[in-house]
Amino acid sequence: MRQLTASDAQFLDIEDARNLGHVAFLAVLDPSTAPSGRLEVEDMCRVVGRRLDRLPPFRWKLASVPLRVARPYWVVDPDFDLDFHIRELALPPGGGERELAEQVARIASRPLDRSRPLWELYVIHGLPAGRVAVLTKMHHAAIDGVSGIEVMGVLFDERPAGRDEPSARNGVSDTDALGFTTETQPRGGRSPGEVEMLWRGLASIPAQRLRALRRMRRSSQTIAAPALEVMRSAAAQADVLAWPTARPPSTRFNESPAETVGCVTGLGGRGTVRRGRASLARLVLGMSETRMRGG
């Protein structure tokens, strides 16, 4: 079992009827370079099946913690069905980029089934010149942008001859293409029950609180040093930040002949700045009152 990180769990929490947390990759291929000159769904099943050991998220499914006392876990799906995830369809006769875009939009608008590993792959026929599109849809909770590109690197080859498959022990290589070692991958076997998941969730709460306190401490130390430096700099430049003594320029916001003359003769420039601010405040307040009255 492998618990989701806080950021990964957020991509699950944001989902509703209008907001989805998956990402999609679309590739338009020329199958003429394939040995058979064609690309069928059986070919994609064969390629993905051979490389599943290098694509561990393709076998992970969610295991929720009862009462949501902790973040969900990834567990290996004991009933994993490759044929469910890899599908085939065709565009209407004479279809092109517009029809392909509409089909991709339709597929992308549907949520992934959370009771299974969170990915789907579509082989789409019917494009001009015999080309075939491959659409891969994966949830952002399982992959990010970098690992998504790495998934594409595992699925597709640079040369028509393919590649030499790496050796693996018990169906899982020591280090797969996405950087997961055998120690960090969810283990296969039975799916945990609700009582076990609840116990794991409760046991993880103290560790989560300690990690949160450590992050708060590091954040406070990171913020405190720059803040103190700004305060020291401000204190050293107190004369620069002091109230200005020069007379402000005459503008429509501080023009009040009777008040300004009296202020200048009695208090000097400093008083003029203050009276100007008061005049601006009265102007804004008067405009607000007029709008409220509908004038």
C-alpha atoms as a PDB file:
ATOM      1  CA  MET A   1       0.000   0.000   0.000  1.00  0.00           C
ATOM      2  CA  ARG A   2       1.088   3.526  -0.736  1.00  0.00           C
ATOM      3  CA  GLN A   3      -0.706   6.566   0.673  1.00  0.00           C
ATOM      4  CA  LEU A   4      -1.501   9.489  -1.602  1.00  0.00           C
ATOM      5  CA  THR A   5       0.327  12.720  -0.935  1.00  0.00           C
ATOM      6  CA  ALA A   6      -1.667  15.775   0.102  1.00  0.00           C
ATOM      7  CA  SER A   7      -1.293  17.373  -3.332  1.00  0.00           C
ATOM      8  CA  ASP A   8      -2.361  14.171  -5.122  1.00  0.00           C
ATOM      9  CA  ALA A   9      -5.421  13.829  -2.890  1.00  0.00           C
ATOM     10  CA  GLN A  10      -6.454  17.380  -3.793  1.00  0.00           C
ATOM     11  CA  PHE A  11      -6.971  16.317  -7.409  1.00  0.00           C
ATOM     12  CA  LEU A  12      -9.549  13.830  -6.151  1.00  0.00           C
ATOM     13  CA  ASP A  13     -11.222  16.313  -3.817  1.00  0.00           C
ATOM     14  CA  ILE A  14     -11.780  18.955  -6.506  1.00  0.00           C
ATOM     15  CA  GLU A  15     -13.806  16.599  -8.686  1.00  0.00           C
ATOM     16  CA  ASP A  16     -17.528  17.097  -9.094  1.00  0.00           C
ATOM     17  CA  ALA A  17     -20.022  16.943 -11.947  1.00  0.00           C
ATOM     18  CA  ARG A  18     -18.333  19.849 -13.760  1.00  0.00           C
ATOM     19  CA  ASN A  19     -14.671  19.646 -12.658  1.00  0.00           C
ATOM     20  CA  LEU A  20     -12.563  16.604 -13.436  1.00  0.00           C
ATOM     21  CA  GLY A  21      -9.047  15.765 -12.307  1.00  0.00           C
ATOM     22  CA  HIS A  22      -7.691  13.707 -15.190  1.00  0.00           C
ATOM     23  CA  VAL A  23      -5.326  14.663 -18.011  1.00  0.00           C
ATOM     24  CA  ALA A  24      -5.195  13.337 -21.575  1.00  0.00           C
ATOM     25  CA  PHE A  25      -2.558  12.795 -24.266  1.00  0.00           C
ATOM     26  CA  LEU A  26      -3.440  12.474 -27.944  1.00  0.00           C
ATOM     27  CA  ALA A  27      -1.112  11.052 -30.600  1.00  0.00           C
ATOM     28  CA  VAL A  28      -1.930  10.693 -34.309  1.00  0.00           C
ATOM     29  CA  LEU A  29       0.120   7.837 -35.781  1.00  0.00           C
ATOM     30  CA  ASP A  30       1.010   6.530 -39.218  1.00  0.00           C
ATOM     31  CA  PRO A  31       0.663   2.717 -38.922  1.00  0.00           C
ATOM     32  CA  SER A  32       2.388   2.047 -42.246  1.00  0.00           C
ATOM     33  CA  THR A  33       5.700   1.573 -40.423  1.00  0.00           C
ATOM     34  CA  ALA A  34       4.299  -1.234 -38.250  1.00  0.00           C
ATOM     35  CA  PRO A  35       5.219  -4.799 -39.266  1.00  0.00           C
ATOM     36  CA  SER A  36       1.618  -5.513 -40.319  1.00  0.00           C
ATOM     37  CA  GLY A  37       0.985  -2.014 -41.658  1.00  0.00           C
ATOM     38  CA  ARG A  38      -1.932  -1.680 -39.246  1.00  0.00           C
ATOM     39  CA  LEU A  39      -2.555  -0.659 -35.640  1.00  0.00           C
ATOM     40  CA  GLU A  40      -5.374  -2.500 -33.895  1.00  0.00           C
ATOM     41  CA  VAL A  41      -6.552  -2.602 -30.306  1.00  0.00           C
ATOM     42  CA  GLU A  42      -4.966  -6.056 -29.962  1.00  0.00           C
ATOM     43  CA  ASP A  43      -1.587  -4.532 -30.789  1.00  0.00           C
ATOM     44  CA  MET A  44      -1.942  -1.914 -28.053  1.00  0.00           C
ATOM     45  CA  CYS A  45      -3.056  -4.573 -25.556  1.00  0.00           C
ATOM     46  CA  ARG A  46       0.010  -6.625 -26.391  1.00  0.00           C
ATOM     47  CA  VAL A  47       2.411  -3.663 -26.027  1.00  0.00           C
ATOM     48  CA  VAL A  48       0.900  -2.389 -22.774  1.00  0.00           C
ATOM     49  CA  GLY A  49       0.693  -5.923 -21.345  1.00  0.00           C
ATOM     50  CA  ARG A  50       4.403  -6.489 -21.962  1.00  0.00           C
ATOM     51  CA  ARG A  51       5.338  -3.186 -20.310  1.00  0.00           C
ATOM     52  CA  LEU A  52       3.035  -3.170 -17.294  1.00  0.00           C
ATOM     53  CA  ASP A  53       6.011  -3.827 -15.034  1.00  0.00           C
ATOM     54  CA  ARG A  54       7.341  -0.406 -16.093  1.00  0.00           C
ATOM     55  CA  LEU A  55       3.962   1.293 -15.593  1.00  0.00           C
ATOM     56  CA  PRO A  56       3.014   0.613 -11.957  1.00  0.00           C
ATOM     57  CA  PRO A  57       0.252   3.296 -11.772  1.00  0.00           C
ATOM     58  CA  PHE A  58      -1.611   1.372 -14.475  1.00  0.00           C
ATOM     59  CA  ARG A  59      -2.350  -1.338 -11.885  1.00  0.00           C
ATOM     60  CA  TRP A  60      -3.115   0.887  -8.894  1.00  0.00           C
ATOM     61  CA  LYS A  61      -6.624   1.543  -7.661  1.00  0.00           C
ATOM     62  CA  LEU A  62      -7.880   3.670  -4.798  1.00  0.00           C
ATOM     63  CA  ALA A  63      -8.606   2.314  -1.339  1.00  0.00           C
ATOM     64  CA  SER A  64     -10.518   4.902   0.683  1.00  0.00           C
ATOM     65  CA  VAL A  65     -10.247   5.191   4.459  1.00  0.00           C
ATOM     66  CA  PRO A  66     -13.628   4.949   6.264  1.00  0.00           C
ATOM     67  CA  LEU A  67     -14.916   8.226   7.716  1.00  0.00           C
ATOM     68  CA  ARG A  68     -12.186  10.016   5.672  1.00  0.00           C
ATOM     69  CA  VAL A  69      -9.910  10.188   8.721  1.00  0.00           C
ATOM     70  CA  ALA A  70      -6.879   9.994   6.419  1.00  0.00           C
ATOM     71  CA  ARG A  71      -5.939  10.278   2.770  1.00  0.00           C
ATOM     72  CA  PRO A  72      -6.676   7.304   0.477  1.00  0.00           C
ATOM     73  CA  TYR A  73      -4.126   4.626  -0.393  1.00  0.00           C
ATOM     74  CA  TRP A  74      -3.008   3.086  -3.661  1.00  0.00           C
ATOM     75  CA  VAL A  75      -3.328  -0.695  -3.764  1.00  0.00           C
ATOM     76  CA  VAL A  76      -2.650  -3.104  -6.605  1.00  0.00           C
ATOM     77  CA  ASP A  77      -5.943  -4.152  -8.182  1.00  0.00           C
ATOM     78  CA  PRO A  78      -6.247  -7.937  -7.715  1.00  0.00           C
ATOM     79  CA  ASP A  79      -8.910  -8.051 -10.459  1.00  0.00           C
ATOM     80  CA  PHE A  80      -7.020  -5.935 -12.978  1.00  0.00           C
ATOM     81  CA  ASP A  81      -8.533  -6.286 -16.475  1.00  0.00           C
ATOM     82  CA  LEU A  82      -6.435  -4.823 -19.288  1.00  0.00           C
ATOM     83  CA  ASP A  83      -9.262  -5.201 -21.823  1.00  0.00           C
ATOM     84  CA  PHE A  84     -11.451  -2.871 -19.750  1.00  0.00           C
ATOM     85  CA  HIS A  85      -8.933  -0.034 -19.971  1.00  0.00           C
ATOM     86  CA  ILE A  86      -7.911  -0.315 -23.650  1.00  0.00           C
ATOM     87  CA  ARG A  87     -10.797   0.370 -26.026  1.00  0.00           C
ATOM     88  CA  GLU A  88     -11.364   0.822 -29.756  1.00  0.00           C
ATOM     89  CA  LEU A  89     -13.710   3.073 -31.722  1.00  0.00           C
ATOM     90  CA  ALA A  90     -14.029   4.625 -35.183  1.00  0.00           C
ATOM     91  CA  LEU A  91     -14.998   8.060 -36.453  1.00  0.00           C
ATOM     92  CA  PRO A  92     -17.927   8.463 -38.863  1.00  0.00           C
ATOM     93  CA  PRO A  93     -17.075   7.926 -42.553  1.00  0.00           C
ATOM     94  CA  GLY A  94     -15.208  10.924 -43.941  1.00  0.00           C
ATOM     95  CA  GLY A  95     -14.172  12.013 -40.462  1.00  0.00           C
ATOM     96  CA  GLY A  96     -11.268  14.373 -39.943  1.00  0.00           C
ATOM     97  CA  GLU A  97      -9.750  16.622 -37.301  1.00  0.00           C
ATOM     98  CA  ARG A  98     -13.090  18.165 -36.331  1.00  0.00           C
ATOM     99  CA  GLU A  99     -14.746  14.804 -35.737  1.00  0.00           C
ATOM    100  CA  LEU A 100     -11.662  13.618 -33.847  1.00  0.00           C
ATOM    101  CA  ALA A 101     -11.770  16.730 -31.628  1.00  0.00           C
ATOM    102  CA  GLU A 102     -15.454  16.150 -30.858  1.00  0.00           C
ATOM    103  CA  GLN A 103     -14.809  12.521 -29.944  1.00  0.00           C
ATOM    104  CA  VAL A 104     -11.854  13.427 -27.734  1.00  0.00           C
ATOM    105  CA  ALA A 105     -13.932  16.115 -25.995  1.00  0.00           C
ATOM    106  CA  ARG A 106     -16.707  13.583 -25.385  1.00  0.00           C
ATOM    107  CA  ILE A 107     -14.281  11.073 -23.849  1.00  0.00           C
ATOM    108  CA  ALA A 108     -12.496  13.699 -21.764  1.00  0.00           C
ATOM    109  CA  SER A 109     -15.787  14.944 -20.299  1.00  0.00           C
ATOM    110  CA  ARG A 110     -16.498  11.590 -18.637  1.00  0.00           C
ATOM    111  CA  PRO A 111     -15.029  10.853 -15.182  1.00  0.00           C
ATOM    112  CA  LEU A 112     -12.836   7.830 -14.605  1.00  0.00           C
ATOM    113  CA  ASP A 113     -14.193   4.848 -12.692  1.00  0.00           C
ATOM    114  CA  ARG A 114     -12.721   5.096  -9.175  1.00  0.00           C
ATOM    115  CA  SER A 115     -13.342   1.423  -8.477  1.00  0.00           C
ATOM    116  CA  ARG A 116     -10.625   0.565 -11.037  1.00  0.00           C
ATOM    117  CA  PRO A 117      -7.160   1.895 -11.896  1.00  0.00           C
ATOM    118  CA  LEU A 118      -7.579   5.491 -13.007  1.00  0.00           C
ATOM    119  CA  TRP A 119      -6.657   5.368 -16.692  1.00  0.00           C
ATOM    120  CA  GLU A 120      -8.102   4.572 -20.117  1.00  0.00           C
ATOM    121  CA  LEU A 121      -6.579   4.215 -23.578  1.00  0.00           C
ATOM    122  CA  TYR A 122      -8.520   4.565 -26.852  1.00  0.00           C
ATOM    123  CA  VAL A 123      -7.470   3.450 -30.337  1.00  0.00           C
ATOM    124  CA  ILE A 124      -9.407   5.667 -32.757  1.00  0.00           C
ATOM    125  CA  HIS A 125      -9.746   4.710 -36.438  1.00  0.00           C
ATOM    126  CA  GLY A 126     -11.261   6.576 -39.373  1.00  0.00           C
ATOM    127  CA  LEU A 127      -8.784   9.411 -39.918  1.00  0.00           C
ATOM    128  CA  PRO A 128      -7.676  10.405 -43.439  1.00  0.00           C
ATOM    129  CA  ALA A 129      -4.748   8.562 -45.089  1.00  0.00           C
ATOM    130  CA  GLY A 130      -5.287   5.557 -42.819  1.00  0.00           C
ATOM    131  CA  ARG A 131      -3.872   7.276 -39.761  1.00  0.00           C
ATOM    132  CA  VAL A 132      -4.818   6.125 -36.256  1.00  0.00           C
ATOM    133  CA  ALA A 133      -5.173   8.242 -33.121  1.00  0.00           C
ATOM    134  CA  VAL A 134      -4.260   6.987 -29.652  1.00  0.00           C
ATOM    135  CA  LEU A 135      -5.855   8.821 -26.727  1.00  0.00           C
ATOM    136  CA  THR A 136      -4.547   8.132 -23.229  1.00  0.00           C
ATOM    137  CA  LYS A 137      -6.531   9.437 -20.244  1.00  0.00           C
ATOM    138  CA  MET A 138      -4.998   9.283 -16.746  1.00  0.00           C
ATOM    139  CA  HIS A 139      -5.889  10.838 -13.427  1.00  0.00           C
ATOM    140  CA  HIS A 140      -3.658  13.610 -12.094  1.00  0.00           C
ATOM    141  CA  ALA A 141      -3.695  11.942  -8.672  1.00  0.00           C
ATOM    142  CA  ALA A 142      -1.669   9.065 -10.148  1.00  0.00           C
ATOM    143  CA  ILE A 143       0.681  10.991 -12.437  1.00  0.00           C
ATOM    144  CA  ASP A 144       1.966  14.533 -12.831  1.00  0.00           C
ATOM    145  CA  GLY A 145       3.228  16.311 -15.916  1.00  0.00           C
ATOM    146  CA  VAL A 146       6.715  14.802 -15.845  1.00  0.00           C
ATOM    147  CA  SER A 147       5.614  11.238 -15.146  1.00  0.00           C
ATOM    148  CA  GLY A 148       2.884  11.617 -17.783  1.00  0.00           C
ATOM    149  CA  ILE A 149       5.541  12.293 -20.413  1.00  0.00           C
ATOM    150  CA  GLU A 150       7.507   9.320 -19.094  1.00  0.00           C
ATOM    151  CA  VAL A 151       4.421   7.125 -19.509  1.00  0.00           C
ATOM    152  CA  MET A 152       4.326   8.138 -23.166  1.00  0.00           C
ATOM    153  CA  GLY A 153       8.018   7.275 -23.415  1.00  0.00           C
ATOM    154  CA  VAL A 154       7.254   3.774 -22.156  1.00  0.00           C
ATOM    155  CA  LEU A 155       4.279   3.234 -24.463  1.00  0.00           C
ATOM    156  CA  PHE A 156       5.887   4.520 -27.669  1.00  0.00           C
ATOM    157  CA  ASP A 157       9.168   3.525 -29.325  1.00  0.00           C
ATOM    158  CA  GLU A 158      11.577   5.734 -31.235  1.00  0.00           C
ATOM    159  CA  ARG A 159      12.241   3.043 -33.868  1.00  0.00           C
ATOM    160  CA  PRO A 160       9.834   0.699 -35.726  1.00  0.00           C
ATOM    161  CA  ALA A 161      11.870  -2.284 -34.509  1.00  0.00           C
ATOM    162  CA  GLY A 162      10.836  -1.585 -30.919  1.00  0.00           C
ATOM    163  CA  ARG A 163      13.091  -2.021 -27.919  1.00  0.00           C
ATOM    164  CA  ASP A 164      14.610  -4.693 -25.743  1.00  0.00           C
ATOM    165  CA  GLU A 165      12.355  -5.258 -22.765  1.00  0.00           C
ATOM    166  CA  PRO A 166      14.194  -5.047 -19.391  1.00  0.00           C
ATOM    167  CA  SER A 167      14.424  -8.105 -17.206  1.00  0.00           C
ATOM    168  CA  ALA A 168      12.062  -8.246 -14.263  1.00  0.00           C
ATOM    169  CA  ARG A 169      11.628 -10.343 -11.132  1.00  0.00           C
ATOM    170  CA  ASN A 170       8.125 -11.590 -10.367  1.00  0.00           C
ATOM    171  CA  GLY A 171       6.653  -9.209 -12.918  1.00  0.00           C
ATOM    172  CA  VAL A 172       8.128  -6.056 -11.317  1.00  0.00           C
ATOM    173  CA  SER A 173      11.521  -4.606 -12.193  1.00  0.00           C
ATOM    174  CA  ASP A 174      13.872  -3.323  -9.479  1.00  0.00           C
ATOM    175  CA  THR A 175      13.428   0.249 -10.727  1.00  0.00           C
ATOM    176  CA  ASP A 176      10.724   0.990 -13.260  1.00  0.00           C
ATOM    177  CA  ALA A 177      10.669   3.743 -15.862  1.00  0.00           C
ATOM    178  CA  LEU A 178       8.775   6.143 -13.594  1.00  0.00           C
ATOM    179  CA  GLY A 179      11.270   5.941 -10.751  1.00  0.00           C
ATOM    180  CA  PHE A 180       9.277   3.714  -8.359  1.00  0.00           C
ATOM    181  CA  THR A 181      11.359   1.052  -6.640  1.00  0.00           C
ATOM    182  CA  THR A 182       9.960  -2.237  -5.417  1.00  0.00           C
ATOM    183  CA  GLU A 183       9.972  -0.837  -1.870  1.00  0.00           C
ATOM    184  CA  THR A 184       7.717   2.131  -2.747  1.00  0.00           C
ATOM    185  CA  GLN A 185       5.244   0.299  -4.976  1.00  0.00           C
ATOM    186  CA  PRO A 186       1.960  -1.010  -3.588  1.00  0.00           C
ATOM    187  CA  ARG A 187       2.087  -4.755  -3.067  1.00  0.00           C
ATOM    188  CA  GLY A 188      -0.174  -7.177  -4.842  1.00  0.00           C
ATOM    189  CA  GLY A 189      -2.517  -9.663  -3.247  1.00  0.00           C
ATOM    190  CA  ARG A 190      -5.778  -9.097  -1.432  1.00  0.00           C
ATOM    191  CA  SER A 191      -7.440  -5.708  -1.085  1.00  0.00           C
ATOM    192  CA  PRO A 192      -7.535  -4.424   2.525  1.00  0.00           C
ATOM    193  CA  GLY A 193     -10.886  -4.402   4.302  1.00  0.00           C
ATOM    194  CA  GLU A 194     -12.604  -1.391   5.823  1.00  0.00           C
ATOM    195  CA  VAL A 195     -11.501  -2.243   9.374  1.00  0.00           C
ATOM    196  CA  GLU A 196      -7.876  -2.486   8.291  1.00  0.00           C
ATOM    197  CA  MET A 197      -8.116   0.781   6.350  1.00  0.00           C
ATOM    198  CA  LEU A 198      -9.682   2.552   9.347  1.00  0.00           C
ATOM    199  CA  TRP A 199      -6.922   1.285  11.629  1.00  0.00           C
ATOM    200  CA  ARG A 200      -4.225   2.429   9.189  1.00  0.00           C
ATOM    201  CA  GLY A 201      -5.879   5.832   8.893  1.00  0.00           C
ATOM    202  CA  LEU A 202      -6.086   6.353  12.646  1.00  0.00           C
ATOM    203  CA  ALA A 203      -2.496   5.208  13.103  1.00  0.00           C
ATOM    204  CA  SER A 204      -1.268   7.713  10.504  1.00  0.00           C
ATOM    205  CA  ILE A 205      -2.862  10.784  12.128  1.00  0.00           C
ATOM    206  CA  PRO A 206      -0.060  11.481  14.693  1.00  0.00           C
ATOM    207  CA  ALA A 207       2.596  11.251  11.973  1.00  0.00           C
ATOM    208  CA  GLN A 208       0.623  13.635   9.754  1.00  0.00           C
ATOM    209  CA  ARG A 209       0.352  16.178  12.578  1.00  0.00           C
ATOM    210  CA  LEU A 210       4.089  15.989  13.259  1.00  0.00           C
ATOM    211  CA  ARG A 211       4.885  16.517   9.591  1.00  0.00           C
ATOM    212  CA  ALA A 212       2.548  19.532   9.512  1.00  0.00           C
ATOM    213  CA  LEU A 213       4.280  21.050  12.560  1.00  0.00           C
ATOM    214  CA  ARG A 214       7.691  20.555  10.959  1.00  0.00           C
ATOM    215  CA  ARG A 215       6.509  22.267   7.777  1.00  0.00           C
ATOM    216  CA  MET A 216       5.091  25.186   9.787  1.00  0.00           C
ATOM    217  CA  ARG A 217       8.384  25.569  11.614  1.00  0.00           C
ATOM    218  CA  ARG A 218      10.382  25.585   8.383  1.00  0.00           C
ATOM    219  CA  SER A 219       7.944  28.044   6.805  1.00  0.00           C
ATOM    220  CA  SER A 220       8.114  30.430   9.768  1.00  0.00           C
ATOM    221  CA  GLN A 221      11.918  30.377   9.665  1.00  0.00           C
ATOM    222  CA  THR A 222      11.872  31.040   5.941  1.00  0.00           C
ATOM    223  CA  ILE A 223       9.503  33.996   6.294  1.00  0.00           C
ATOM    224  CA  ALA A 224      10.992  35.507   9.466  1.00  0.00           C
ATOM    225  CA  ALA A 225      14.458  36.254   8.074  1.00  0.00           C
ATOM    226  CA  PRO A 226      13.297  38.345   5.067  1.00  0.00           C
ATOM    227  CA  ALA A 227      10.741  40.161   7.254  1.00  0.00           C
ATOM    228  CA  LEU A 228      13.418  41.170   9.788  1.00  0.00           C
ATOM    229  CA  GLU A 229      15.668  42.345   6.998  1.00  0.00           C
ATOM    230  CA  VAL A 230      12.910  44.588   5.622  1.00  0.00           C
ATOM    231  CA  MET A 231      12.302  46.049   9.095  1.00  0.00           C
ATOM    232  CA  ARG A 232      16.010  46.763   9.590  1.00  0.00           C
ATOM    233  CA  SER A 233      16.207  48.423   6.186  1.00  0.00           C
ATOM    234  CA  ALA A 234      13.162  50.571   6.965  1.00  0.00           C
ATOM    235  CA  ALA A 235      14.652  51.659  10.296  1.00  0.00           C
ATOM    236  CA  ALA A 236      17.931  52.588   8.612  1.00  0.00           C
ATOM    237  CA  GLN A 237      16.072  54.740   6.082  1.00  0.00           C
ATOM    238  CA  ALA A 238      13.712  56.424   8.539  1.00  0.00           C
ATOM    239  CA  ASP A 239      14.512  59.850   7.132  1.00  0.00           C
ATOM    240  CA  VAL A 240      13.490  58.703   3.665  1.00  0.00           C
ATOM    241  CA  LEU A 241      10.172  57.318   4.922  1.00  0.00           C
ATOM    242  CA  ALA A 242       9.348  60.352   7.090  1.00  0.00           C
ATOM    243  CA  TRP A 243       6.335  62.565   6.372  1.00  0.00           C
ATOM    244  CA  PRO A 244       7.135  64.987   3.495  1.00  0.00           C
ATOM    245  CA  THR A 245       7.533  68.659   4.380  1.00  0.00           C
ATOM    246  CA  ALA A 246       7.427  70.104   0.860  1.00  0.00           C
ATOM    247  CA  ARG A 247       4.246  71.711  -0.369  1.00  0.00           C
ATOM    248  CA  PRO A 248       2.274  69.343  -2.619  1.00  0.00           C
ATOM    249  CA  PRO A 249       1.391  70.315  -6.181  1.00  0.00           C
ATOM    250  CA  SER A 250      -2.006  71.909  -6.669  1.00  0.00           C
ATOM    251  CA  THR A 251      -4.484  69.393  -8.076  1.00  0.00           C
ATOM    252  CA  ARG A 252      -8.263  69.066  -8.250  1.00  0.00           C
ATOM    253  CA  PHE A 253      -8.149  66.783  -5.212  1.00  0.00           C
ATOM    254  CA  ASN A 254      -6.556  69.314  -2.815  1.00  0.00           C
ATOM    255  CA  GLU A 255      -7.943  72.568  -4.211  1.00  0.00           C
ATOM    256  CA  SER A 256     -10.039  74.267  -1.545  1.00  0.00           C
ATOM    257  CA  PRO A 257      -9.104  77.984  -1.652  1.00  0.00           C
ATOM    258  CA  ALA A 258     -10.322  79.119   1.765  1.00  0.00           C
ATOM    259  CA  GLU A 259      -9.115  76.036   3.652  1.00  0.00           C
ATOM    260  CA  THR A 260      -5.832  75.781   1.778  1.00  0.00           C
ATOM    261  CA  VAL A 261      -4.849  79.438   2.333  1.00  0.00           C
ATOM    262  CA  GLY A 262      -5.588  79.249   6.023  1.00  0.00           C
ATOM    263  CA  CYS A 263      -3.738  75.978   6.278  1.00  0.00           C
ATOM    264  CA  VAL A 264      -0.648  77.296   4.503  1.00  0.00           C
ATOM    265  CA  THR A 265      -0.384  80.458   6.568  1.00  0.00           C
ATOM    266  CA  GLY A 266      -1.066  78.702   9.850  1.00  0.00           C
ATOM    267  CA  LEU A 267       0.656  75.311   9.559  1.00  0.00           C
ATOM    268  CA  GLY A 268       2.837  75.353   6.471  1.00  0.00           C
ATOM    269  CA  GLY A 269       3.276  72.627   3.902  1.00  0.00           C
ATOM    270  CA  ARG A 270       2.756  69.701   6.267  1.00  0.00           C
ATOM    271  CA  GLY A 271      -0.732  70.879   7.093  1.00  0.00           C
ATOM    272  CA  THR A 272      -1.482  71.316   3.414  1.00  0.00           C
ATOM    273  CA  VAL A 273      -0.801  67.625   2.772  1.00  0.00           C
ATOM    274  CA  ARG A 274      -3.140  66.605   5.550  1.00  0.00           C
ATOM    275  CA  ARG A 275      -5.892  69.008   4.403  1.00  0.00           C
ATOM    276  CA  GLY A 276      -5.482  67.729   0.865  1.00  0.00           C
ATOM    277  CA  ARG A 277      -6.038  64.152   2.050  1.00  0.00           C
ATOM    278  CA  ALA A 278      -9.115  65.267   3.961  1.00  0.00           C
ATOM    279  CA  SER A 279     -10.477  66.969   0.847  1.00  0.00           C
ATOM    280  CA  LEU A 280      -9.913  63.802  -1.202  1.00  0.00           C
ATOM    281  CA  ALA A 281     -11.692  61.699   1.417  1.00  0.00           C
ATOM    282  CA  ARG A 282     -14.672  64.104   1.423  1.00  0.00           C
ATOM    283  CA  LEU A 283     -14.808  64.010  -2.373  1.00  0.00           C
ATOM    284  CA  VAL A 284     -14.891  60.189  -2.484  1.00  0.00           C
ATOM    285  CA  LEU A 285     -17.461  60.056   0.326  1.00  0.00           C
ATOM    286  CA  GLY A 286     -19.681  62.595  -1.468  1.00  0.00           C
ATOM    287  CA  MET A 287     -19.522  60.602  -4.721  1.00  0.00           C
ATOM    288  CA  SER A 288     -20.456  57.412  -2.847  1.00  0.00           C
ATOM    289  CA  GLU A 289     -23.448  59.063  -1.130  1.00  0.00           C
ATOM    290  CA  THR A 290     -24.663  60.467  -4.464  1.00  0.00           C
ATOM    291  CA  ARG A 291     -24.566  57.026  -6.076  1.00  0.00           C
ATOM    292  CA  MET A 292     -26.421  55.482  -3.128  1.00  0.00           C
ATOM    293  CA  ARG A 293     -29.195  58.093  -3.504  1.00  0.00           C
ATOM    294  CA  GLY A 294     -29.362  57.379  -7.211  1.00  0.00           C
ATOM    295  CA  GLY A 295     -28.247  60.930  -8.099  1.00  0.00           C
END
